[in-house]
Amino acid sequence: MMLDKALDILGWLVVLFILGPLIVIIGGSFTETPYVAFPPAGFTLRWYEQLLHRGDFLQSFLISIVLAVLCSLCAMALGVAAVIGLHRHGVTGQRLFRAFLMSPLVLPTIVTGVALLQFYYLIDMDAPLTGLLIGHILITIPYVCRTVGAGLVGLDPALEEAAGSLGAGGLRILFRVTLPAIAPSIMAAMIFVFITSFDQATVSIFLAGPDVMPLPVRIYTYIDFAVDPMVAAVSTLLIIFAFGLIALLQKVLGLDRAMGTGV
């Protein structure tokens, strides 16, 4: 009994540790002081109103949305194809190839950003949006491999075998059996990739340009000159946006089913 209570207390402490910074940021966005204060001094929405009149932030928000959508589509196409190919067909050096796909998780993102910046400079690449897209795809493919791979592991091979025994070809099995069966995992991977790309700052700092600046880089640039509650307001909206996507995933698919751990 004592152990159960201790574990309950420890669990709530962990939750508080995770949610504490979010509570401070959200509360600080409503303060009337010209600096972030918690508990907030008074209550005002003027920092949100000020944000609505910042065209540069709105432009960066749209750039981040476009970049995240393109990254999701491209990373899904490449990652799903790679994972299904490794799952269905044994290839020479399969373990090495899997490790190569997961390597961006091990390599620090700042190293990836610097390496891509030097590479773009060597090939004289002058396309900031394309450069950002390549960088985001590179660091998000592992999330696709992990999530979709979990869905494939939970897929009953008898389904594909039954379709093949009934005369279905490889492509027909893929599009009529395999992909629909792992659709929750694919959807979950797409949402995770979208959030990761939308919130990616480290790689984007090195690859963004003055005309193509994602929202995280815009925030980072802004706080170099001023730290006021408008930054907390932007962060609050991003927190709500991310939680909204996760809530949508839970409502539509269920996290257990999406991750391939449910029945």
C-alpha atoms as a PDB file:
ATOM      1  CA  MET A   1       0.000   0.000   0.000  1.00  0.00           C
ATOM      2  CA  MET A   2       2.800   2.403   0.939  1.00  0.00           C
ATOM      3  CA  LEU A   3       4.650   1.528  -2.255  1.00  0.00           C
ATOM      4  CA  ASP A   4       1.553   2.215  -4.370  1.00  0.00           C
ATOM      5  CA  LYS A   5       1.110   5.640  -2.781  1.00  0.00           C
ATOM      6  CA  ALA A   6       4.781   6.452  -3.298  1.00  0.00           C
ATOM      7  CA  LEU A   7       4.524   5.468  -6.964  1.00  0.00           C
ATOM      8  CA  ASP A   8       1.386   7.598  -7.365  1.00  0.00           C
ATOM      9  CA  ILE A   9       3.157  10.611  -5.851  1.00  0.00           C
ATOM     10  CA  LEU A  10       6.199  10.020  -8.057  1.00  0.00           C
ATOM     11  CA  GLY A  11       3.962   9.791 -11.111  1.00  0.00           C
ATOM     12  CA  TRP A  12       2.260  13.115 -10.323  1.00  0.00           C
ATOM     13  CA  LEU A  13       5.653  14.739  -9.713  1.00  0.00           C
ATOM     14  CA  VAL A  14       6.777  13.613 -13.162  1.00  0.00           C
ATOM     15  CA  VAL A  15       3.599  15.009 -14.708  1.00  0.00           C
ATOM     16  CA  LEU A  16       4.124  18.304 -12.882  1.00  0.00           C
ATOM     17  CA  PHE A  17       7.748  18.420 -14.021  1.00  0.00           C
ATOM     18  CA  ILE A  18       6.634  17.998 -17.650  1.00  0.00           C
ATOM     19  CA  LEU A  19       3.674  20.379 -17.514  1.00  0.00           C
ATOM     20  CA  GLY A  20       5.276  22.994 -15.256  1.00  0.00           C
ATOM     21  CA  PRO A  21       7.114  24.931 -18.006  1.00  0.00           C
ATOM     22  CA  LEU A  22       3.999  24.869 -20.191  1.00  0.00           C
ATOM     23  CA  ILE A  23       1.899  26.309 -17.372  1.00  0.00           C
ATOM     24  CA  VAL A  24       4.425  29.100 -16.816  1.00  0.00           C
ATOM     25  CA  ILE A  25       4.503  29.998 -20.523  1.00  0.00           C
ATOM     26  CA  ILE A  26       0.714  29.953 -20.897  1.00  0.00           C
ATOM     27  CA  GLY A  27       0.190  31.981 -17.717  1.00  0.00           C
ATOM     28  CA  GLY A  28       2.889  34.481 -18.677  1.00  0.00           C
ATOM     29  CA  SER A  29       1.169  35.215 -21.989  1.00  0.00           C
ATOM     30  CA  PHE A  30      -1.728  36.918 -20.145  1.00  0.00           C
ATOM     31  CA  THR A  31       0.314  39.183 -17.879  1.00  0.00           C
ATOM     32  CA  GLU A  32      -0.072  42.949 -18.059  1.00  0.00           C
ATOM     33  CA  THR A  33       3.629  43.558 -17.413  1.00  0.00           C
ATOM     34  CA  PRO A  34       5.957  44.253 -20.381  1.00  0.00           C
ATOM     35  CA  TYR A  35       7.952  41.164 -19.470  1.00  0.00           C
ATOM     36  CA  VAL A  36       7.019  37.521 -18.876  1.00  0.00           C
ATOM     37  CA  ALA A  37       5.873  37.144 -15.272  1.00  0.00           C
ATOM     38  CA  PHE A  38       4.414  34.176 -13.415  1.00  0.00           C
ATOM     39  CA  PRO A  39       2.028  34.293 -11.694  1.00  0.00           C
ATOM     40  CA  PRO A  40       0.750  36.822 -14.227  1.00  0.00           C
ATOM     41  CA  ALA A  41       0.229  40.379 -12.984  1.00  0.00           C
ATOM     42  CA  GLY A  42      -3.373  41.001 -14.023  1.00  0.00           C
ATOM     43  CA  PHE A  43      -5.039  39.609 -17.130  1.00  0.00           C
ATOM     44  CA  THR A  44      -4.877  40.943 -20.687  1.00  0.00           C
ATOM     45  CA  LEU A  45      -5.145  39.703 -24.253  1.00  0.00           C
ATOM     46  CA  ARG A  46      -3.171  42.580 -25.744  1.00  0.00           C
ATOM     47  CA  TRP A  47      -0.150  40.397 -26.480  1.00  0.00           C
ATOM     48  CA  TYR A  48      -2.323  38.164 -28.654  1.00  0.00           C
ATOM     49  CA  GLU A  49      -3.791  41.248 -30.330  1.00  0.00           C
ATOM     50  CA  GLN A  50      -0.293  42.564 -30.958  1.00  0.00           C
ATOM     51  CA  LEU A  51       0.664  39.235 -32.486  1.00  0.00           C
ATOM     52  CA  LEU A  52      -2.219  39.442 -34.965  1.00  0.00           C
ATOM     53  CA  HIS A  53      -0.764  42.687 -36.340  1.00  0.00           C
ATOM     54  CA  ARG A  54       2.698  41.230 -36.885  1.00  0.00           C
ATOM     55  CA  GLY A  55       2.808  40.365 -40.593  1.00  0.00           C
ATOM     56  CA  ASP A  56       6.259  38.816 -40.292  1.00  0.00           C
ATOM     57  CA  PHE A  57       5.042  36.277 -37.732  1.00  0.00           C
ATOM     58  CA  LEU A  58       1.986  35.428 -39.824  1.00  0.00           C
ATOM     59  CA  GLN A  59       4.156  34.953 -42.905  1.00  0.00           C
ATOM     60  CA  SER A  60       6.521  32.689 -40.971  1.00  0.00           C
ATOM     61  CA  PHE A  61       3.549  30.706 -39.681  1.00  0.00           C
ATOM     62  CA  LEU A  62       2.346  30.061 -43.241  1.00  0.00           C
ATOM     63  CA  ILE A  63       5.861  29.084 -44.330  1.00  0.00           C
ATOM     64  CA  SER A  64       6.069  26.609 -41.446  1.00  0.00           C
ATOM     65  CA  ILE A  65       2.677  25.136 -42.378  1.00  0.00           C
ATOM     66  CA  VAL A  66       3.651  24.695 -46.045  1.00  0.00           C
ATOM     67  CA  LEU A  67       7.033  23.254 -45.082  1.00  0.00           C
ATOM     68  CA  ALA A  68       5.501  20.817 -42.589  1.00  0.00           C
ATOM     69  CA  VAL A  69       2.874  19.620 -45.095  1.00  0.00           C
ATOM     70  CA  LEU A  70       5.456  19.067 -47.847  1.00  0.00           C
ATOM     71  CA  CYS A  71       7.798  17.372 -45.395  1.00  0.00           C
ATOM     72  CA  SER A  72       5.015  15.057 -44.202  1.00  0.00           C
ATOM     73  CA  LEU A  73       4.136  13.972 -47.734  1.00  0.00           C
ATOM     74  CA  CYS A  74       7.726  13.442 -48.866  1.00  0.00           C
ATOM     75  CA  ALA A  75       8.895  11.729 -45.668  1.00  0.00           C
ATOM     76  CA  MET A  76       5.881   9.410 -45.752  1.00  0.00           C
ATOM     77  CA  ALA A  77       6.471   8.449 -49.385  1.00  0.00           C
ATOM     78  CA  LEU A  78      10.158   7.671 -48.790  1.00  0.00           C
ATOM     79  CA  GLY A  79       9.859   6.181 -45.303  1.00  0.00           C
ATOM     80  CA  VAL A  80       6.836   3.950 -45.952  1.00  0.00           C
ATOM     81  CA  ALA A  81       8.383   2.620 -49.167  1.00  0.00           C
ATOM     82  CA  ALA A  82      11.661   1.842 -47.376  1.00  0.00           C
ATOM     83  CA  VAL A  83      10.021   0.150 -44.387  1.00  0.00           C
ATOM     84  CA  ILE A  84       7.659  -1.984 -46.464  1.00  0.00           C
ATOM     85  CA  GLY A  85      10.516  -2.968 -48.780  1.00  0.00           C
ATOM     86  CA  LEU A  86      12.649  -4.088 -45.831  1.00  0.00           C
ATOM     87  CA  HIS A  87       9.692  -5.851 -44.239  1.00  0.00           C
ATOM     88  CA  ARG A  88       8.625  -7.808 -47.304  1.00  0.00           C
ATOM     89  CA  HIS A  89      11.952  -8.466 -49.004  1.00  0.00           C
ATOM     90  CA  GLY A  90      15.200  -9.451 -47.358  1.00  0.00           C
ATOM     91  CA  VAL A  91      18.111  -7.514 -48.857  1.00  0.00           C
ATOM     92  CA  THR A  92      21.850  -7.762 -48.383  1.00  0.00           C
ATOM     93  CA  GLY A  93      23.006  -5.514 -45.569  1.00  0.00           C
ATOM     94  CA  GLN A  94      19.473  -5.071 -44.227  1.00  0.00           C
ATOM     95  CA  ARG A  95      20.628  -4.252 -40.693  1.00  0.00           C
ATOM     96  CA  LEU A  96      23.083  -1.687 -42.005  1.00  0.00           C
ATOM     97  CA  PHE A  97      20.360  -0.063 -44.091  1.00  0.00           C
ATOM     98  CA  ARG A  98      18.004   0.079 -41.087  1.00  0.00           C
ATOM     99  CA  ALA A  99      20.746   1.697 -39.015  1.00  0.00           C
ATOM    100  CA  PHE A 100      21.324   4.203 -41.829  1.00  0.00           C
ATOM    101  CA  LEU A 101      17.630   5.150 -41.851  1.00  0.00           C
ATOM    102  CA  MET A 102      17.643   5.671 -38.077  1.00  0.00           C
ATOM    103  CA  SER A 103      20.999   7.508 -37.951  1.00  0.00           C
ATOM    104  CA  PRO A 104      19.483  11.044 -37.951  1.00  0.00           C
ATOM    105  CA  LEU A 105      18.127  10.276 -34.468  1.00  0.00           C
ATOM    106  CA  VAL A 106      21.667   9.632 -33.209  1.00  0.00           C
ATOM    107  CA  LEU A 107      23.401  12.496 -34.991  1.00  0.00           C
ATOM    108  CA  PRO A 108      22.933  15.886 -33.251  1.00  0.00           C
ATOM    109  CA  THR A 109      20.648  18.114 -35.313  1.00  0.00           C
ATOM    110  CA  ILE A 110      23.109  20.997 -35.083  1.00  0.00           C
ATOM    111  CA  VAL A 111      25.688  18.822 -36.876  1.00  0.00           C
ATOM    112  CA  THR A 112      23.109  17.980 -39.531  1.00  0.00           C
ATOM    113  CA  GLY A 113      22.312  21.658 -40.007  1.00  0.00           C
ATOM    114  CA  VAL A 114      25.973  22.674 -40.362  1.00  0.00           C
ATOM    115  CA  ALA A 115      26.692  19.794 -42.743  1.00  0.00           C
ATOM    116  CA  LEU A 116      23.741  20.670 -44.977  1.00  0.00           C
ATOM    117  CA  LEU A 117      24.707  24.341 -44.960  1.00  0.00           C
ATOM    118  CA  GLN A 118      28.229  23.516 -46.132  1.00  0.00           C
ATOM    119  CA  PHE A 119      26.915  21.102 -48.754  1.00  0.00           C
ATOM    120  CA  TYR A 120      24.488  23.668 -50.160  1.00  0.00           C
ATOM    121  CA  TYR A 121      27.306  26.204 -50.268  1.00  0.00           C
ATOM    122  CA  LEU A 122      29.544  23.793 -52.207  1.00  0.00           C
ATOM    123  CA  ILE A 123      26.887  23.079 -54.837  1.00  0.00           C
ATOM    124  CA  ASP A 124      25.862  26.765 -54.934  1.00  0.00           C
ATOM    125  CA  MET A 125      22.243  25.998 -54.059  1.00  0.00           C
ATOM    126  CA  ASP A 126      20.083  29.124 -53.834  1.00  0.00           C
ATOM    127  CA  ALA A 127      16.680  27.709 -52.900  1.00  0.00           C
ATOM    128  CA  PRO A 128      16.034  28.176 -49.155  1.00  0.00           C
ATOM    129  CA  LEU A 129      12.649  26.437 -49.125  1.00  0.00           C
ATOM    130  CA  THR A 130      14.009  23.390 -50.963  1.00  0.00           C
ATOM    131  CA  GLY A 131      17.016  23.288 -48.659  1.00  0.00           C
ATOM    132  CA  LEU A 132      14.808  23.468 -45.586  1.00  0.00           C
ATOM    133  CA  LEU A 133      12.549  20.755 -46.973  1.00  0.00           C
ATOM    134  CA  ILE A 134      15.469  18.386 -47.567  1.00  0.00           C
ATOM    135  CA  GLY A 135      16.785  19.003 -44.067  1.00  0.00           C
ATOM    136  CA  HIS A 136      13.398  18.401 -42.446  1.00  0.00           C
ATOM    137  CA  ILE A 137      12.825  15.223 -44.460  1.00  0.00           C
ATOM    138  CA  LEU A 138      16.228  13.934 -43.399  1.00  0.00           C
ATOM    139  CA  ILE A 139      15.541  14.301 -39.684  1.00  0.00           C
ATOM    140  CA  THR A 140      11.918  13.084 -39.772  1.00  0.00           C
ATOM    141  CA  ILE A 141      12.279   9.874 -41.775  1.00  0.00           C
ATOM    142  CA  PRO A 142      13.301   7.923 -38.615  1.00  0.00           C
ATOM    143  CA  TYR A 143       9.934   8.777 -37.050  1.00  0.00           C
ATOM    144  CA  VAL A 144       8.193   7.298 -40.069  1.00  0.00           C
ATOM    145  CA  CYS A 145      10.329   4.160 -39.924  1.00  0.00           C
ATOM    146  CA  ARG A 146       9.673   3.647 -36.214  1.00  0.00           C
ATOM    147  CA  THR A 147       5.937   4.255 -36.297  1.00  0.00           C
ATOM    148  CA  VAL A 148       5.099   2.477 -39.551  1.00  0.00           C
ATOM    149  CA  GLY A 149       7.500  -0.316 -38.652  1.00  0.00           C
ATOM    150  CA  ALA A 150       5.569  -0.889 -35.420  1.00  0.00           C
ATOM    151  CA  GLY A 151       2.373  -1.163 -37.447  1.00  0.00           C
ATOM    152  CA  LEU A 152       3.931  -3.711 -39.808  1.00  0.00           C
ATOM    153  CA  VAL A 153       5.191  -5.827 -36.908  1.00  0.00           C
ATOM    154  CA  GLY A 154       1.640  -6.006 -35.570  1.00  0.00           C
ATOM    155  CA  LEU A 155       0.215  -6.930 -38.988  1.00  0.00           C
ATOM    156  CA  ASP A 156      -0.893 -10.548 -39.283  1.00  0.00           C
ATOM    157  CA  PRO A 157       1.098 -12.040 -42.222  1.00  0.00           C
ATOM    158  CA  ALA A 158      -1.793 -14.404 -42.875  1.00  0.00           C
ATOM    159  CA  LEU A 159      -3.739 -11.467 -44.381  1.00  0.00           C
ATOM    160  CA  GLU A 160      -1.182 -10.940 -47.150  1.00  0.00           C
ATOM    161  CA  GLU A 161      -0.765 -14.703 -47.621  1.00  0.00           C
ATOM    162  CA  ALA A 162      -4.526 -15.148 -47.974  1.00  0.00           C
ATOM    163  CA  ALA A 163      -4.723 -12.365 -50.567  1.00  0.00           C
ATOM    164  CA  GLY A 164      -1.844 -13.930 -52.518  1.00  0.00           C
ATOM    165  CA  SER A 165      -3.456 -17.375 -52.425  1.00  0.00           C
ATOM    166  CA  LEU A 166      -6.592 -15.857 -53.943  1.00  0.00           C
ATOM    167  CA  GLY A 167      -4.629 -14.575 -56.915  1.00  0.00           C
ATOM    168  CA  ALA A 168      -3.859 -10.990 -55.904  1.00  0.00           C
ATOM    169  CA  GLY A 169      -0.616  -9.578 -57.257  1.00  0.00           C
ATOM    170  CA  GLY A 170       2.038  -7.747 -55.271  1.00  0.00           C
ATOM    171  CA  LEU A 171       0.709  -4.250 -55.969  1.00  0.00           C
ATOM    172  CA  ARG A 172      -2.879  -5.293 -55.317  1.00  0.00           C
ATOM    173  CA  ILE A 173      -1.882  -6.792 -51.961  1.00  0.00           C
ATOM    174  CA  LEU A 174       0.032  -3.629 -51.122  1.00  0.00           C
ATOM    175  CA  PHE A 175      -2.797  -1.194 -51.896  1.00  0.00           C
ATOM    176  CA  ARG A 176      -5.785  -3.336 -50.891  1.00  0.00           C
ATOM    177  CA  VAL A 177      -4.414  -5.167 -47.830  1.00  0.00           C
ATOM    178  CA  THR A 178      -1.136  -3.896 -46.417  1.00  0.00           C
ATOM    179  CA  LEU A 179      -1.610  -0.126 -46.594  1.00  0.00           C
ATOM    180  CA  PRO A 180      -5.232  -0.133 -45.303  1.00  0.00           C
ATOM    181  CA  ALA A 181      -4.187  -2.410 -42.429  1.00  0.00           C
ATOM    182  CA  ILE A 182      -1.385  -0.087 -41.300  1.00  0.00           C
ATOM    183  CA  ALA A 183      -3.270   3.139 -42.111  1.00  0.00           C
ATOM    184  CA  PRO A 184      -3.479   4.169 -38.409  1.00  0.00           C
ATOM    185  CA  SER A 185       0.308   3.905 -38.081  1.00  0.00           C
ATOM    186  CA  ILE A 186       0.801   5.873 -41.292  1.00  0.00           C
ATOM    187  CA  MET A 187      -1.546   8.590 -40.054  1.00  0.00           C
ATOM    188  CA  ALA A 188       0.231   8.732 -36.695  1.00  0.00           C
ATOM    189  CA  ALA A 189       3.617   8.982 -38.399  1.00  0.00           C
ATOM    190  CA  MET A 190       2.352  11.801 -40.602  1.00  0.00           C
ATOM    191  CA  ILE A 191       1.146  13.805 -37.607  1.00  0.00           C
ATOM    192  CA  PHE A 192       4.410  13.244 -35.725  1.00  0.00           C
ATOM    193  CA  VAL A 193       6.415  14.299 -38.773  1.00  0.00           C
ATOM    194  CA  PHE A 194       4.224  17.382 -39.208  1.00  0.00           C
ATOM    195  CA  ILE A 195       4.737  18.460 -35.585  1.00  0.00           C
ATOM    196  CA  THR A 196       8.479  17.765 -35.690  1.00  0.00           C
ATOM    197  CA  SER A 197       8.923  19.713 -38.924  1.00  0.00           C
ATOM    198  CA  PHE A 198       6.716  22.593 -37.807  1.00  0.00           C
ATOM    199  CA  ASP A 199       8.605  22.934 -34.524  1.00  0.00           C
ATOM    200  CA  GLN A 200      12.109  22.327 -35.905  1.00  0.00           C
ATOM    201  CA  ALA A 201      14.471  25.156 -35.014  1.00  0.00           C
ATOM    202  CA  THR A 202      18.025  23.794 -34.887  1.00  0.00           C
ATOM    203  CA  VAL A 203      18.348  22.741 -38.516  1.00  0.00           C
ATOM    204  CA  SER A 204      16.176  25.607 -39.752  1.00  0.00           C
ATOM    205  CA  ILE A 205      18.437  28.254 -38.196  1.00  0.00           C
ATOM    206  CA  PHE A 206      21.270  27.256 -40.529  1.00  0.00           C
ATOM    207  CA  LEU A 207      19.167  26.852 -43.667  1.00  0.00           C
ATOM    208  CA  ALA A 208      16.595  29.667 -43.445  1.00  0.00           C
ATOM    209  CA  GLY A 209      16.917  32.891 -45.415  1.00  0.00           C
ATOM    210  CA  PRO A 210      15.580  36.416 -44.881  1.00  0.00           C
ATOM    211  CA  ASP A 211      12.638  35.745 -47.216  1.00  0.00           C
ATOM    212  CA  VAL A 212      12.024  32.142 -46.123  1.00  0.00           C
ATOM    213  CA  MET A 213      12.040  32.059 -42.329  1.00  0.00           C
ATOM    214  CA  PRO A 214       9.993  29.412 -40.468  1.00  0.00           C
ATOM    215  CA  LEU A 215       8.193  30.415 -37.297  1.00  0.00           C
ATOM    216  CA  PRO A 216      10.657  28.847 -34.781  1.00  0.00           C
ATOM    217  CA  VAL A 217      13.526  30.777 -36.404  1.00  0.00           C
ATOM    218  CA  ARG A 218      11.423  33.956 -36.381  1.00  0.00           C
ATOM    219  CA  ILE A 219      10.819  33.524 -32.640  1.00  0.00           C
ATOM    220  CA  TYR A 220      14.507  32.870 -32.007  1.00  0.00           C
ATOM    221  CA  THR A 221      15.470  35.975 -33.978  1.00  0.00           C
ATOM    222  CA  TYR A 222      12.874  38.082 -32.158  1.00  0.00           C
ATOM    223  CA  ILE A 223      14.067  37.172 -28.649  1.00  0.00           C
ATOM    224  CA  ASP A 224      17.578  38.306 -29.587  1.00  0.00           C
ATOM    225  CA  PHE A 225      16.253  41.861 -29.373  1.00  0.00           C
ATOM    226  CA  ALA A 226      13.318  41.652 -26.953  1.00  0.00           C
ATOM    227  CA  VAL A 227      11.768  39.192 -24.525  1.00  0.00           C
ATOM    228  CA  ASP A 228       8.174  40.222 -23.936  1.00  0.00           C
ATOM    229  CA  PRO A 229       4.914  38.317 -23.339  1.00  0.00           C
ATOM    230  CA  MET A 230       4.229  38.255 -27.091  1.00  0.00           C
ATOM    231  CA  VAL A 231       6.775  35.441 -27.309  1.00  0.00           C
ATOM    232  CA  ALA A 232       4.821  33.601 -24.627  1.00  0.00           C
ATOM    233  CA  ALA A 233       1.633  34.204 -26.645  1.00  0.00           C
ATOM    234  CA  VAL A 234       3.201  32.653 -29.755  1.00  0.00           C
ATOM    235  CA  SER A 235       4.455  29.706 -27.708  1.00  0.00           C
ATOM    236  CA  THR A 236       1.008  29.218 -26.185  1.00  0.00           C
ATOM    237  CA  LEU A 237      -0.609  29.034 -29.606  1.00  0.00           C
ATOM    238  CA  LEU A 238       2.000  26.496 -30.726  1.00  0.00           C
ATOM    239  CA  ILE A 239       1.350  24.387 -27.623  1.00  0.00           C
ATOM    240  CA  ILE A 240      -2.397  24.420 -28.288  1.00  0.00           C
ATOM    241  CA  PHE A 241      -1.770  23.593 -31.951  1.00  0.00           C
ATOM    242  CA  ALA A 242       0.398  20.563 -31.087  1.00  0.00           C
ATOM    243  CA  PHE A 243      -2.007  19.284 -28.426  1.00  0.00           C
ATOM    244  CA  GLY A 244      -4.862  19.717 -30.887  1.00  0.00           C
ATOM    245  CA  LEU A 245      -3.170  17.471 -33.437  1.00  0.00           C
ATOM    246  CA  ILE A 246      -2.462  14.794 -30.830  1.00  0.00           C
ATOM    247  CA  ALA A 247      -6.048  15.019 -29.566  1.00  0.00           C
ATOM    248  CA  LEU A 248      -7.286  14.618 -33.141  1.00  0.00           C
ATOM    249  CA  LEU A 249      -5.132  11.529 -33.548  1.00  0.00           C
ATOM    250  CA  GLN A 250      -6.482  10.070 -30.315  1.00  0.00           C
ATOM    251  CA  LYS A 251     -10.090  10.887 -31.266  1.00  0.00           C
ATOM    252  CA  VAL A 252      -9.953   9.521 -34.804  1.00  0.00           C
ATOM    253  CA  LEU A 253      -7.626   6.546 -34.456  1.00  0.00           C
ATOM    254  CA  GLY A 254      -6.571   6.077 -30.845  1.00  0.00           C
ATOM    255  CA  LEU A 255      -2.903   6.317 -29.900  1.00  0.00           C
ATOM    256  CA  ASP A 256      -2.550   2.616 -29.098  1.00  0.00           C
ATOM    257  CA  ARG A 257      -3.953   1.545 -32.461  1.00  0.00           C
ATOM    258  CA  ALA A 258      -2.008   4.240 -34.307  1.00  0.00           C
ATOM    259  CA  MET A 259       1.269   3.103 -32.765  1.00  0.00           C
ATOM    260  CA  GLY A 260       0.565  -0.504 -33.568  1.00  0.00           C
ATOM    261  CA  THR A 261       0.248  -1.509 -29.885  1.00  0.00           C
ATOM    262  CA  GLY A 262      -3.512  -1.909 -29.779  1.00  0.00           C
ATOM    263  CA  VAL A 263      -5.675  -4.735 -31.002  1.00  0.00           C
END
